[in-house]
Amino acid sequence: MKELPKRSNEPVVWLLFGAGTTVSAMFFPVLVLLLGFLLPFGLVSADNLIAFSQTIIGKLAILVLLIFPMWGAMHRIHHGMHDFKLHIPASGWIFYGLSTLYSLLVCFAVFGL
């Protein structure tokens, strides 16, 4: 019996997956209401949204709304492919690597506003 068990990245990935699905479920209906109905009908000013997006709280909100759902989606795709018996070599590295790259690009884009 091995003394030290093999380390796994699953707890970190499950944390990001859970955060992504929670953010999607809680905040995307609000975004649809805000950006899909209130903004086009003129009930919310675009200037207020732009001003909010340039504050530090607005930038953090944008990061949360963009990064965590991507991790949730990539985790679902990764495990969904296993459910369909499509096993790609190093698929964990591919999907989670793409999520990491996306996260970095979003950070650069948001803090470059």
PDB file of N, CA and C in Angstrom:
ATOM      1  N   MET A   1       0.837  -1.179   0.000  1.00  0.00           N
ATOM      2  CA  MET A   1       0.000   0.000   0.000  1.00  0.00           C
ATOM      3  C   MET A   1       0.887   1.250   0.000  1.00  0.00           C
ATOM      4  N   LYS A   2       0.545   2.187  -0.843  1.00  0.00           N
ATOM      5  CA  LYS A   2       1.336   3.405  -0.953  1.00  0.00           C
ATOM      6  C   LYS A   2       1.113   4.298   0.262  1.00  0.00           C
ATOM      7  N   GLU A   3       2.192   4.919   0.701  1.00  0.00           N
ATOM      8  CA  GLU A   3       2.107   5.828   1.834  1.00  0.00           C
ATOM      9  C   GLU A   3       1.465   7.154   1.433  1.00  0.00           C
ATOM     10  N   LEU A   4       1.876   7.677   0.267  1.00  0.00           N
ATOM     11  CA  LEU A   4       1.351   8.952  -0.203  1.00  0.00           C
ATOM     12  C   LEU A   4       0.428   8.727  -1.398  1.00  0.00           C
ATOM     13  N   PRO A   5      -0.844   9.097  -1.270  1.00  0.00           N
ATOM     14  CA  PRO A   5      -1.737   8.927  -2.416  1.00  0.00           C
ATOM     15  C   PRO A   5      -1.404   9.925  -3.519  1.00  0.00           C
ATOM     16  N   LYS A   6      -1.801   9.588  -4.732  1.00  0.00           N
ATOM     17  CA  LYS A   6      -1.556  10.452  -5.880  1.00  0.00           C
ATOM     18  C   LYS A   6      -2.370  11.741  -5.744  1.00  0.00           C
ATOM     19  N   ARG A   7      -1.733  12.854  -6.009  1.00  0.00           N
ATOM     20  CA  ARG A   7      -2.419  14.146  -5.946  1.00  0.00           C
ATOM     21  C   ARG A   7      -3.343  14.297  -7.149  1.00  0.00           C
ATOM     22  N   SER A   8      -4.458  14.981  -6.932  1.00  0.00           N
ATOM     23  CA  SER A   8      -5.439  15.170  -7.988  1.00  0.00           C
ATOM     24  C   SER A   8      -5.781  16.650  -8.098  1.00  0.00           C
ATOM     25  N   ASN A   9      -6.122  17.062  -9.307  1.00  0.00           N
ATOM     26  CA  ASN A   9      -6.569  18.437  -9.511  1.00  0.00           C
ATOM     27  C   ASN A   9      -8.089  18.548  -9.428  1.00  0.00           C
ATOM     28  N   GLU A  10      -8.774  17.459  -9.183  1.00  0.00           N
ATOM     29  CA  GLU A  10     -10.231  17.458  -9.182  1.00  0.00           C
ATOM     30  C   GLU A  10     -10.858  18.419  -8.166  1.00  0.00           C
ATOM     31  N   PRO A  11     -10.355  18.550  -6.932  1.00  0.00           N
ATOM     32  CA  PRO A  11     -11.004  19.508  -6.021  1.00  0.00           C
ATOM     33  C   PRO A  11     -11.002  20.943  -6.552  1.00  0.00           C
ATOM     34  N   VAL A  12      -9.904  21.357  -7.140  1.00  0.00           N
ATOM     35  CA  VAL A  12      -9.833  22.721  -7.680  1.00  0.00           C
ATOM     36  C   VAL A  12     -10.771  22.865  -8.876  1.00  0.00           C
ATOM     37  N   VAL A  13     -10.780  21.878  -9.742  1.00  0.00           N
ATOM     38  CA  VAL A  13     -11.634  21.935 -10.927  1.00  0.00           C
ATOM     39  C   VAL A  13     -13.109  21.893 -10.528  1.00  0.00           C
ATOM     40  N   TRP A  14     -13.457  21.065  -9.555  1.00  0.00           N
ATOM     41  CA  TRP A  14     -14.844  21.010  -9.097  1.00  0.00           C
ATOM     42  C   TRP A  14     -15.259  22.321  -8.435  1.00  0.00           C
ATOM     43  N   LEU A  15     -14.337  22.987  -7.744  1.00  0.00           N
ATOM     44  CA  LEU A  15     -14.641  24.284  -7.160  1.00  0.00           C
ATOM     45  C   LEU A  15     -14.961  25.295  -8.252  1.00  0.00           C
ATOM     46  N   LEU A  16     -14.137  25.343  -9.299  1.00  0.00           N
ATOM     47  CA  LEU A  16     -14.384  26.264 -10.407  1.00  0.00           C
ATOM     48  C   LEU A  16     -15.650  25.901 -11.175  1.00  0.00           C
ATOM     49  N   PHE A  17     -15.906  24.590 -11.332  1.00  0.00           N
ATOM     50  CA  PHE A  17     -17.124  24.135 -11.994  1.00  0.00           C
ATOM     51  C   PHE A  17     -18.353  24.557 -11.195  1.00  0.00           C
ATOM     52  N   GLY A  18     -18.319  24.331  -9.889  1.00  0.00           N
ATOM     53  CA  GLY A  18     -19.451  24.714  -9.046  1.00  0.00           C
ATOM     54  C   GLY A  18     -19.685  26.208  -9.048  1.00  0.00           C
ATOM     55  N   ALA A  19     -18.601  26.985  -9.007  1.00  0.00           N
ATOM     56  CA  ALA A  19     -18.734  28.436  -9.049  1.00  0.00           C
ATOM     57  C   ALA A  19     -19.315  28.877 -10.388  1.00  0.00           C
ATOM     58  N   GLY A  20     -18.876  28.244 -11.469  1.00  0.00           N
ATOM     59  CA  GLY A  20     -19.369  28.614 -12.790  1.00  0.00           C
ATOM     60  C   GLY A  20     -20.837  28.331 -12.988  1.00  0.00           C
ATOM     61  N   THR A  21     -21.282  27.170 -12.553  1.00  0.00           N
ATOM     62  CA  THR A  21     -22.700  26.853 -12.722  1.00  0.00           C
ATOM     63  C   THR A  21     -23.567  27.692 -11.795  1.00  0.00           C
ATOM     64  N   THR A  22     -23.071  28.018 -10.606  1.00  0.00           N
ATOM     65  CA  THR A  22     -23.826  28.869  -9.693  1.00  0.00           C
ATOM     66  C   THR A  22     -23.947  30.284 -10.241  1.00  0.00           C
ATOM     67  N   VAL A  23     -22.859  30.817 -10.742  1.00  0.00           N
ATOM     68  CA  VAL A  23     -22.887  32.165 -11.332  1.00  0.00           C
ATOM     69  C   VAL A  23     -23.830  32.181 -12.532  1.00  0.00           C
ATOM     70  N   SER A  24     -23.766  31.158 -13.349  1.00  0.00           N
ATOM     71  CA  SER A  24     -24.645  31.099 -14.528  1.00  0.00           C
ATOM     72  C   SER A  24     -26.113  31.066 -14.119  1.00  0.00           C
ATOM     73  N   ALA A  25     -26.422  30.250 -13.144  1.00  0.00           N
ATOM     74  CA  ALA A  25     -27.821  30.099 -12.737  1.00  0.00           C
ATOM     75  C   ALA A  25     -28.367  31.341 -12.047  1.00  0.00           C
ATOM     76  N   MET A  26     -27.527  32.017 -11.293  1.00  0.00           N
ATOM     77  CA  MET A  26     -28.022  33.156 -10.517  1.00  0.00           C
ATOM     78  C   MET A  26     -27.994  34.484 -11.271  1.00  0.00           C
ATOM     79  N   PHE A  27     -26.978  34.712 -12.079  1.00  0.00           N
ATOM     80  CA  PHE A  27     -26.792  36.039 -12.645  1.00  0.00           C
ATOM     81  C   PHE A  27     -27.122  36.163 -14.126  1.00  0.00           C
ATOM     82  N   PHE A  28     -27.144  35.081 -14.888  1.00  0.00           N
ATOM     83  CA  PHE A  28     -27.452  35.211 -16.304  1.00  0.00           C
ATOM     84  C   PHE A  28     -28.895  35.654 -16.562  1.00  0.00           C
ATOM     85  N   PRO A  29     -29.888  35.211 -15.787  1.00  0.00           N
ATOM     86  CA  PRO A  29     -31.229  35.781 -16.004  1.00  0.00           C
ATOM     87  C   PRO A  29     -31.280  37.291 -15.761  1.00  0.00           C
ATOM     88  N   VAL A  30     -30.505  37.768 -14.799  1.00  0.00           N
ATOM     89  CA  VAL A  30     -30.437  39.209 -14.539  1.00  0.00           C
ATOM     90  C   VAL A  30     -29.785  39.924 -15.723  1.00  0.00           C
ATOM     91  N   LEU A  31     -28.736  39.323 -16.279  1.00  0.00           N
ATOM     92  CA  LEU A  31     -28.082  39.931 -17.437  1.00  0.00           C
ATOM     93  C   LEU A  31     -28.998  39.948 -18.658  1.00  0.00           C
ATOM     94  N   VAL A  32     -29.771  38.888 -18.844  1.00  0.00           N
ATOM     95  CA  VAL A  32     -30.717  38.867 -19.962  1.00  0.00           C
ATOM     96  C   VAL A  32     -31.751  39.973 -19.785  1.00  0.00           C
ATOM     97  N   LEU A  33     -32.245  40.124 -18.571  1.00  0.00           N
ATOM     98  CA  LEU A  33     -33.206  41.198 -18.308  1.00  0.00           C
ATOM     99  C   LEU A  33     -32.581  42.563 -18.537  1.00  0.00           C
ATOM    100  N   LEU A  34     -31.392  42.757 -18.010  1.00  0.00           N
ATOM    101  CA  LEU A  34     -30.734  44.056 -18.101  1.00  0.00           C
ATOM    102  C   LEU A  34     -30.313  44.395 -19.528  1.00  0.00           C
ATOM    103  N   LEU A  35     -29.572  43.484 -20.162  1.00  0.00           N
ATOM    104  CA  LEU A  35     -29.025  43.771 -21.494  1.00  0.00           C
ATOM    105  C   LEU A  35     -29.992  43.450 -22.631  1.00  0.00           C
ATOM    106  N   GLY A  36     -30.949  42.560 -22.378  1.00  0.00           N
ATOM    107  CA  GLY A  36     -31.870  42.162 -23.434  1.00  0.00           C
ATOM    108  C   GLY A  36     -33.167  42.940 -23.477  1.00  0.00           C
ATOM    109  N   PHE A  37     -33.576  43.480 -22.322  1.00  0.00           N
ATOM    110  CA  PHE A  37     -34.856  44.185 -22.285  1.00  0.00           C
ATOM    111  C   PHE A  37     -34.739  45.633 -21.800  1.00  0.00           C
ATOM    112  N   LEU A  38     -34.113  45.835 -20.652  1.00  0.00           N
ATOM    113  CA  LEU A  38     -34.084  47.179 -20.083  1.00  0.00           C
ATOM    114  C   LEU A  38     -33.220  48.142 -20.891  1.00  0.00           C
ATOM    115  N   LEU A  39     -32.070  47.704 -21.337  1.00  0.00           N
ATOM    116  CA  LEU A  39     -31.187  48.571 -22.123  1.00  0.00           C
ATOM    117  C   LEU A  39     -31.778  48.922 -23.497  1.00  0.00           C
ATOM    118  N   PRO A  40     -32.275  47.956 -24.277  1.00  0.00           N
ATOM    119  CA  PRO A  40     -32.830  48.330 -25.593  1.00  0.00           C
ATOM    120  C   PRO A  40     -34.066  49.226 -25.516  1.00  0.00           C
ATOM    121  N   PHE A  41     -34.870  49.078 -24.444  1.00  0.00           N
ATOM    122  CA  PHE A  41     -36.065  49.911 -24.323  1.00  0.00           C
ATOM    123  C   PHE A  41     -35.789  51.247 -23.650  1.00  0.00           C
ATOM    124  N   GLY A  42     -34.522  51.515 -23.337  1.00  0.00           N
ATOM    125  CA  GLY A  42     -34.143  52.798 -22.777  1.00  0.00           C
ATOM    126  C   GLY A  42     -34.449  52.970 -21.301  1.00  0.00           C
ATOM    127  N   LEU A  43     -34.737  51.893 -20.602  1.00  0.00           N
ATOM    128  CA  LEU A  43     -35.028  51.990 -19.171  1.00  0.00           C
ATOM    129  C   LEU A  43     -33.759  52.055 -18.327  1.00  0.00           C
ATOM    130  N   VAL A  44     -32.633  51.686 -18.917  1.00  0.00           N
ATOM    131  CA  VAL A  44     -31.328  51.784 -18.264  1.00  0.00           C
ATOM    132  C   VAL A  44     -30.404  52.503 -19.242  1.00  0.00           C
ATOM    133  N   SER A  45     -29.643  53.428 -18.724  1.00  0.00           N
ATOM    134  CA  SER A  45     -28.738  54.198 -19.561  1.00  0.00           C
ATOM    135  C   SER A  45     -27.458  53.401 -19.844  1.00  0.00           C
ATOM    136  N   ALA A  46     -27.026  53.425 -21.072  1.00  0.00           N
ATOM    137  CA  ALA A  46     -25.772  52.762 -21.441  1.00  0.00           C
ATOM    138  C   ALA A  46     -24.582  53.452 -20.794  1.00  0.00           C
ATOM    139  N   ASP A  47     -24.697  54.746 -20.569  1.00  0.00           N
ATOM    140  CA  ASP A  47     -23.609  55.474 -19.914  1.00  0.00           C
ATOM    141  C   ASP A  47     -23.396  54.982 -18.488  1.00  0.00           C
ATOM    142  N   ASN A  48     -24.489  54.647 -17.793  1.00  0.00           N
ATOM    143  CA  ASN A  48     -24.358  54.120 -16.433  1.00  0.00           C
ATOM    144  C   ASN A  48     -23.671  52.760 -16.438  1.00  0.00           C
ATOM    145  N   LEU A  49     -23.991  51.912 -17.415  1.00  0.00           N
ATOM    146  CA  LEU A  49     -23.350  50.602 -17.502  1.00  0.00           C
ATOM    147  C   LEU A  49     -21.864  50.730 -17.813  1.00  0.00           C
ATOM    148  N   ILE A  50     -21.522  51.650 -18.692  1.00  0.00           N
ATOM    149  CA  ILE A  50     -20.117  51.861 -19.032  1.00  0.00           C
ATOM    150  C   ILE A  50     -19.359  52.419 -17.834  1.00  0.00           C
ATOM    151  N   ALA A  51     -19.971  53.360 -17.126  1.00  0.00           N
ATOM    152  CA  ALA A  51     -19.319  53.924 -15.943  1.00  0.00           C
ATOM    153  C   ALA A  51     -19.122  52.846 -14.874  1.00  0.00           C
ATOM    154  N   PHE A  52     -20.122  51.974 -14.687  1.00  0.00           N
ATOM    155  CA  PHE A  52     -19.985  50.895 -13.710  1.00  0.00           C
ATOM    156  C   PHE A  52     -18.899  49.912 -14.114  1.00  0.00           C
ATOM    157  N   SER A  53     -18.796  49.644 -15.402  1.00  0.00           N
ATOM    158  CA  SER A  53     -17.801  48.663 -15.853  1.00  0.00           C
ATOM    159  C   SER A  53     -16.375  49.167 -15.698  1.00  0.00           C
ATOM    160  N   GLN A  54     -16.192  50.445 -15.491  1.00  0.00           N
ATOM    161  CA  GLN A  54     -14.848  50.984 -15.340  1.00  0.00           C
ATOM    162  C   GLN A  54     -14.425  51.154 -13.890  1.00  0.00           C
ATOM    163  N   THR A  55     -15.316  50.813 -12.940  1.00  0.00           N
ATOM    164  CA  THR A  55     -14.928  50.792 -11.525  1.00  0.00           C
ATOM    165  C   THR A  55     -14.321  49.436 -11.216  1.00  0.00           C
ATOM    166  N   ILE A  56     -13.623  49.345 -10.087  1.00  0.00           N
ATOM    167  CA  ILE A  56     -12.993  48.073  -9.729  1.00  0.00           C
ATOM    168  C   ILE A  56     -14.049  47.002  -9.429  1.00  0.00           C
ATOM    169  N   ILE A  57     -15.156  47.386  -8.828  1.00  0.00           N
ATOM    170  CA  ILE A  57     -16.223  46.412  -8.556  1.00  0.00           C
ATOM    171  C   ILE A  57     -16.847  45.944  -9.866  1.00  0.00           C
ATOM    172  N   GLY A  58     -17.019  46.840 -10.804  1.00  0.00           N
ATOM    173  CA  GLY A  58     -17.555  46.469 -12.113  1.00  0.00           C
ATOM    174  C   GLY A  58     -16.627  45.523 -12.857  1.00  0.00           C
ATOM    175  N   LYS A  59     -15.330  45.796 -12.775  1.00  0.00           N
ATOM    176  CA  LYS A  59     -14.364  44.920 -13.440  1.00  0.00           C
ATOM    177  C   LYS A  59     -14.350  43.536 -12.801  1.00  0.00           C
ATOM    178  N   LEU A  60     -14.434  43.480 -11.482  1.00  0.00           N
ATOM    179  CA  LEU A  60     -14.495  42.180 -10.818  1.00  0.00           C
ATOM    180  C   LEU A  60     -15.779  41.435 -11.169  1.00  0.00           C
ATOM    181  N   ALA A  61     -16.881  42.170 -11.291  1.00  0.00           N
ATOM    182  CA  ALA A  61     -18.140  41.535 -11.692  1.00  0.00           C
ATOM    183  C   ALA A  61     -18.034  40.966 -13.103  1.00  0.00           C
ATOM    184  N   ILE A  62     -17.411  41.701 -13.997  1.00  0.00           N
ATOM    185  CA  ILE A  62     -17.229  41.210 -15.365  1.00  0.00           C
ATOM    186  C   ILE A  62     -16.353  39.962 -15.363  1.00  0.00           C
ATOM    187  N   LEU A  63     -15.295  39.973 -14.567  1.00  0.00           N
ATOM    188  CA  LEU A  63     -14.423  38.793 -14.473  1.00  0.00           C
ATOM    189  C   LEU A  63     -15.193  37.580 -13.996  1.00  0.00           C
ATOM    190  N   VAL A  64     -15.976  37.758 -12.943  1.00  0.00           N
ATOM    191  CA  VAL A  64     -16.747  36.633 -12.394  1.00  0.00           C
ATOM    192  C   VAL A  64     -17.754  36.125 -13.415  1.00  0.00           C
ATOM    193  N   LEU A  65     -18.420  37.046 -14.105  1.00  0.00           N
ATOM    194  CA  LEU A  65     -19.456  36.657 -15.060  1.00  0.00           C
ATOM    195  C   LEU A  65     -18.898  36.027 -16.332  1.00  0.00           C
ATOM    196  N   LEU A  66     -17.627  36.237 -16.617  1.00  0.00           N
ATOM    197  CA  LEU A  66     -17.040  35.655 -17.823  1.00  0.00           C
ATOM    198  C   LEU A  66     -16.187  34.422 -17.552  1.00  0.00           C
ATOM    199  N   ILE A  67     -15.433  34.420 -16.462  1.00  0.00           N
ATOM    200  CA  ILE A  67     -14.462  33.349 -16.241  1.00  0.00           C
ATOM    201  C   ILE A  67     -15.113  32.088 -15.675  1.00  0.00           C
ATOM    202  N   PHE A  68     -15.874  32.218 -14.597  1.00  0.00           N
ATOM    203  CA  PHE A  68     -16.395  31.021 -13.936  1.00  0.00           C
ATOM    204  C   PHE A  68     -17.347  30.195 -14.808  1.00  0.00           C
ATOM    205  N   PRO A  69     -18.262  30.817 -15.570  1.00  0.00           N
ATOM    206  CA  PRO A  69     -19.097  29.983 -16.445  1.00  0.00           C
ATOM    207  C   PRO A  69     -18.305  29.219 -17.510  1.00  0.00           C
ATOM    208  N   MET A  70     -17.183  29.781 -17.967  1.00  0.00           N
ATOM    209  CA  MET A  70     -16.348  29.054 -18.930  1.00  0.00           C
ATOM    210  C   MET A  70     -15.776  27.795 -18.300  1.00  0.00           C
ATOM    211  N   TRP A  71     -15.304  27.901 -17.058  1.00  0.00           N
ATOM    212  CA  TRP A  71     -14.786  26.717 -16.366  1.00  0.00           C
ATOM    213  C   TRP A  71     -15.887  25.675 -16.191  1.00  0.00           C
ATOM    214  N   GLY A  72     -17.097  26.124 -15.848  1.00  0.00           N
ATOM    215  CA  GLY A  72     -18.209  25.186 -15.712  1.00  0.00           C
ATOM    216  C   GLY A  72     -18.545  24.493 -17.021  1.00  0.00           C
ATOM    217  N   ALA A  73     -18.538  25.272 -18.110  1.00  0.00           N
ATOM    218  CA  ALA A  73     -18.859  24.700 -19.421  1.00  0.00           C
ATOM    219  C   ALA A  73     -17.788  23.718 -19.886  1.00  0.00           C
ATOM    220  N   MET A  74     -16.521  24.066 -19.700  1.00  0.00           N
ATOM    221  CA  MET A  74     -15.444  23.167 -20.126  1.00  0.00           C
ATOM    222  C   MET A  74     -15.436  21.883 -19.311  1.00  0.00           C
ATOM    223  N   HIS A  75     -15.766  21.988 -18.030  1.00  0.00           N
ATOM    224  CA  HIS A  75     -15.825  20.790 -17.200  1.00  0.00           C
ATOM    225  C   HIS A  75     -16.967  19.885 -17.675  1.00  0.00           C
ATOM    226  N   ARG A  76     -18.108  20.484 -18.004  1.00  0.00           N
ATOM    227  CA  ARG A  76     -19.235  19.688 -18.519  1.00  0.00           C
ATOM    228  C   ARG A  76     -18.888  19.031 -19.856  1.00  0.00           C
ATOM    229  N   ILE A  77     -18.217  19.755 -20.733  1.00  0.00           N
ATOM    230  CA  ILE A  77     -17.822  19.188 -22.024  1.00  0.00           C
ATOM    231  C   ILE A  77     -16.834  18.049 -21.820  1.00  0.00           C
ATOM    232  N   HIS A  78     -15.873  18.257 -20.945  1.00  0.00           N
ATOM    233  CA  HIS A  78     -14.855  17.234 -20.667  1.00  0.00           C
ATOM    234  C   HIS A  78     -15.504  15.942 -20.165  1.00  0.00           C
ATOM    235  N   HIS A  79     -16.392  16.041 -19.202  1.00  0.00           N
ATOM    236  CA  HIS A  79     -17.029  14.838 -18.668  1.00  0.00           C
ATOM    237  C   HIS A  79     -18.126  14.314 -19.590  1.00  0.00           C
ATOM    238  N   GLY A  80     -18.739  15.193 -20.368  1.00  0.00           N
ATOM    239  CA  GLY A  80     -19.731  14.738 -21.340  1.00  0.00           C
ATOM    240  C   GLY A  80     -19.111  13.891 -22.437  1.00  0.00           C
ATOM    241  N   MET A  81     -17.899  14.228 -22.828  1.00  0.00           N
ATOM    242  CA  MET A  81     -17.215  13.423 -23.834  1.00  0.00           C
ATOM    243  C   MET A  81     -16.896  12.028 -23.295  1.00  0.00           C
ATOM    244  N   HIS A  82     -16.566  11.949 -22.017  1.00  0.00           N
ATOM    245  CA  HIS A  82     -16.346  10.632 -21.415  1.00  0.00           C
ATOM    246  C   HIS A  82     -17.645   9.826 -21.368  1.00  0.00           C
ATOM    247  N   ASP A  83     -18.759  10.518 -21.122  1.00  0.00           N
ATOM    248  CA  ASP A  83     -20.051   9.823 -21.106  1.00  0.00           C
ATOM    249  C   ASP A  83     -20.395   9.251 -22.475  1.00  0.00           C
ATOM    250  N   PHE A  84     -19.989   9.937 -23.541  1.00  0.00           N
ATOM    251  CA  PHE A  84     -20.232   9.457 -24.901  1.00  0.00           C
ATOM    252  C   PHE A  84     -19.113   8.553 -25.413  1.00  0.00           C
ATOM    253  N   LYS A  85     -18.213   8.185 -24.521  1.00  0.00           N
ATOM    254  CA  LYS A  85     -17.088   7.286 -24.834  1.00  0.00           C
ATOM    255  C   LYS A  85     -16.142   7.880 -25.874  1.00  0.00           C
ATOM    256  N   LEU A  86     -16.005   9.185 -25.859  1.00  0.00           N
ATOM    257  CA  LEU A  86     -15.039   9.870 -26.715  1.00  0.00           C
ATOM    258  C   LEU A  86     -13.855  10.253 -25.841  1.00  0.00           C
ATOM    259  N   HIS A  87     -12.820   9.441 -25.882  1.00  0.00           N
ATOM    260  CA  HIS A  87     -11.661   9.672 -25.027  1.00  0.00           C
ATOM    261  C   HIS A  87     -10.526  10.266 -25.858  1.00  0.00           C
ATOM    262  N   ILE A  88     -10.261  11.521 -25.601  1.00  0.00           N
ATOM    263  CA  ILE A  88      -9.177  12.232 -26.281  1.00  0.00           C
ATOM    264  C   ILE A  88      -7.972  12.200 -25.356  1.00  0.00           C
ATOM    265  N   PRO A  89      -6.815  11.831 -25.878  1.00  0.00           N
ATOM    266  CA  PRO A  89      -5.626  11.859 -25.021  1.00  0.00           C
ATOM    267  C   PRO A  89      -5.366  13.271 -24.501  1.00  0.00           C
ATOM    268  N   ALA A  90      -5.105  13.363 -23.230  1.00  0.00           N
ATOM    269  CA  ALA A  90      -4.821  14.640 -22.554  1.00  0.00           C
ATOM    270  C   ALA A  90      -5.979  15.622 -22.663  1.00  0.00           C
ATOM    271  N   SER A  91      -7.204  15.122 -22.651  1.00  0.00           N
ATOM    272  CA  SER A  91      -8.355  16.029 -22.781  1.00  0.00           C
ATOM    273  C   SER A  91      -8.461  16.967 -21.580  1.00  0.00           C
ATOM    274  N   GLY A  92      -8.065  16.519 -20.415  1.00  0.00           N
ATOM    275  CA  GLY A  92      -8.069  17.405 -19.260  1.00  0.00           C
ATOM    276  C   GLY A  92      -7.150  18.590 -19.464  1.00  0.00           C
ATOM    277  N   TRP A  93      -5.965  18.314 -19.991  1.00  0.00           N
ATOM    278  CA  TRP A  93      -5.016  19.391 -20.273  1.00  0.00           C
ATOM    279  C   TRP A  93      -5.568  20.329 -21.341  1.00  0.00           C
ATOM    280  N   ILE A  94      -6.249  19.769 -22.331  1.00  0.00           N
ATOM    281  CA  ILE A  94      -6.780  20.600 -23.419  1.00  0.00           C
ATOM    282  C   ILE A  94      -7.894  21.517 -22.904  1.00  0.00           C
ATOM    283  N   PHE A  95      -8.912  20.934 -22.268  1.00  0.00           N
ATOM    284  CA  PHE A  95     -10.063  21.731 -21.851  1.00  0.00           C
ATOM    285  C   PHE A  95      -9.727  22.693 -20.721  1.00  0.00           C
ATOM    286  N   TYR A  96      -9.019  22.215 -19.731  1.00  0.00           N
ATOM    287  CA  TYR A  96      -8.673  23.098 -18.621  1.00  0.00           C
ATOM    288  C   TYR A  96      -7.577  24.084 -19.018  1.00  0.00           C
ATOM    289  N   GLY A  97      -6.743  23.708 -19.961  1.00  0.00           N
ATOM    290  CA  GLY A  97      -5.759  24.646 -20.495  1.00  0.00           C
ATOM    291  C   GLY A  97      -6.429  25.762 -21.280  1.00  0.00           C
ATOM    292  N   LEU A  98      -7.442  25.412 -22.074  1.00  0.00           N
ATOM    293  CA  LEU A  98      -8.196  26.448 -22.791  1.00  0.00           C
ATOM    294  C   LEU A  98      -8.910  27.375 -21.823  1.00  0.00           C
ATOM    295  N   SER A  99      -9.446  26.809 -20.748  1.00  0.00           N
ATOM    296  CA  SER A  99     -10.106  27.645 -19.739  1.00  0.00           C
ATOM    297  C   SER A  99      -9.116  28.582 -19.068  1.00  0.00           C
ATOM    298  N   THR A 100      -7.929  28.090 -18.798  1.00  0.00           N
ATOM    299  CA  THR A 100      -6.899  28.931 -18.189  1.00  0.00           C
ATOM    300  C   THR A 100      -6.480  30.041 -19.150  1.00  0.00           C
ATOM    301  N   LEU A 101      -6.273  29.700 -20.410  1.00  0.00           N
ATOM    302  CA  LEU A 101      -5.911  30.697 -21.409  1.00  0.00           C
ATOM    303  C   LEU A 101      -7.009  31.747 -21.555  1.00  0.00           C
ATOM    304  N   TYR A 102      -8.259  31.290 -21.600  1.00  0.00           N
ATOM    305  CA  TYR A 102      -9.397  32.204 -21.686  1.00  0.00           C
ATOM    306  C   TYR A 102      -9.428  33.131 -20.468  1.00  0.00           C
ATOM    307  N   SER A 103      -9.184  32.570 -19.287  1.00  0.00           N
ATOM    308  CA  SER A 103      -9.194  33.374 -18.065  1.00  0.00           C
ATOM    309  C   SER A 103      -8.128  34.461 -18.113  1.00  0.00           C
ATOM    310  N   LEU A 104      -6.956  34.107 -18.580  1.00  0.00           N
ATOM    311  CA  LEU A 104      -5.882  35.096 -18.689  1.00  0.00           C
ATOM    312  C   LEU A 104      -6.217  36.185 -19.709  1.00  0.00           C
ATOM    313  N   LEU A 105      -6.775  35.783 -20.843  1.00  0.00           N
ATOM    314  CA  LEU A 105      -7.150  36.767 -21.869  1.00  0.00           C
ATOM    315  C   LEU A 105      -8.231  37.712 -21.364  1.00  0.00           C
ATOM    316  N   VAL A 106      -9.201  37.176 -20.624  1.00  0.00           N
ATOM    317  CA  VAL A 106     -10.258  38.022 -20.067  1.00  0.00           C
ATOM    318  C   VAL A 106      -9.684  38.993 -19.044  1.00  0.00           C
ATOM    319  N   CYS A 107      -8.757  38.525 -18.225  1.00  0.00           N
ATOM    320  CA  CYS A 107      -8.109  39.422 -17.239  1.00  0.00           C
ATOM    321  C   CYS A 107      -7.394  40.562 -17.933  1.00  0.00           C
ATOM    322  N   PHE A 108      -6.649  40.246 -18.981  1.00  0.00           N
ATOM    323  CA  PHE A 108      -5.943  41.304 -19.721  1.00  0.00           C
ATOM    324  C   PHE A 108      -6.929  42.251 -20.392  1.00  0.00           C
ATOM    325  N   ALA A 109      -8.005  41.712 -20.942  1.00  0.00           N
ATOM    326  CA  ALA A 109      -8.986  42.551 -21.626  1.00  0.00           C
ATOM    327  C   ALA A 109      -9.731  43.451 -20.643  1.00  0.00           C
ATOM    328  N   VAL A 110     -10.132  42.907 -19.506  1.00  0.00           N
ATOM    329  CA  VAL A 110     -10.920  43.689 -18.562  1.00  0.00           C
ATOM    330  C   VAL A 110     -10.076  44.766 -17.900  1.00  0.00           C
ATOM    331  N   PHE A 111      -8.866  44.433 -17.517  1.00  0.00           N
ATOM    332  CA  PHE A 111      -8.049  45.438 -16.859  1.00  0.00           C
ATOM    333  C   PHE A 111      -7.375  46.377 -17.852  1.00  0.00           C
ATOM    334  N   GLY A 112      -7.586  46.131 -19.129  1.00  0.00           N
ATOM    335  CA  GLY A 112      -7.124  47.049 -20.160  1.00  0.00           C
ATOM    336  C   GLY A 112      -8.195  48.062 -20.544  1.00  0.00           C
ATOM    337  N   LEU A 113      -9.391  47.937 -19.939  1.00  0.00           N
ATOM    338  CA  LEU A 113     -10.485  48.870 -20.263  1.00  0.00           C
ATOM    339  C   LEU A 113     -10.139  50.283 -19.864  1.00  0.00           C
TER     340      LEU A 113
END
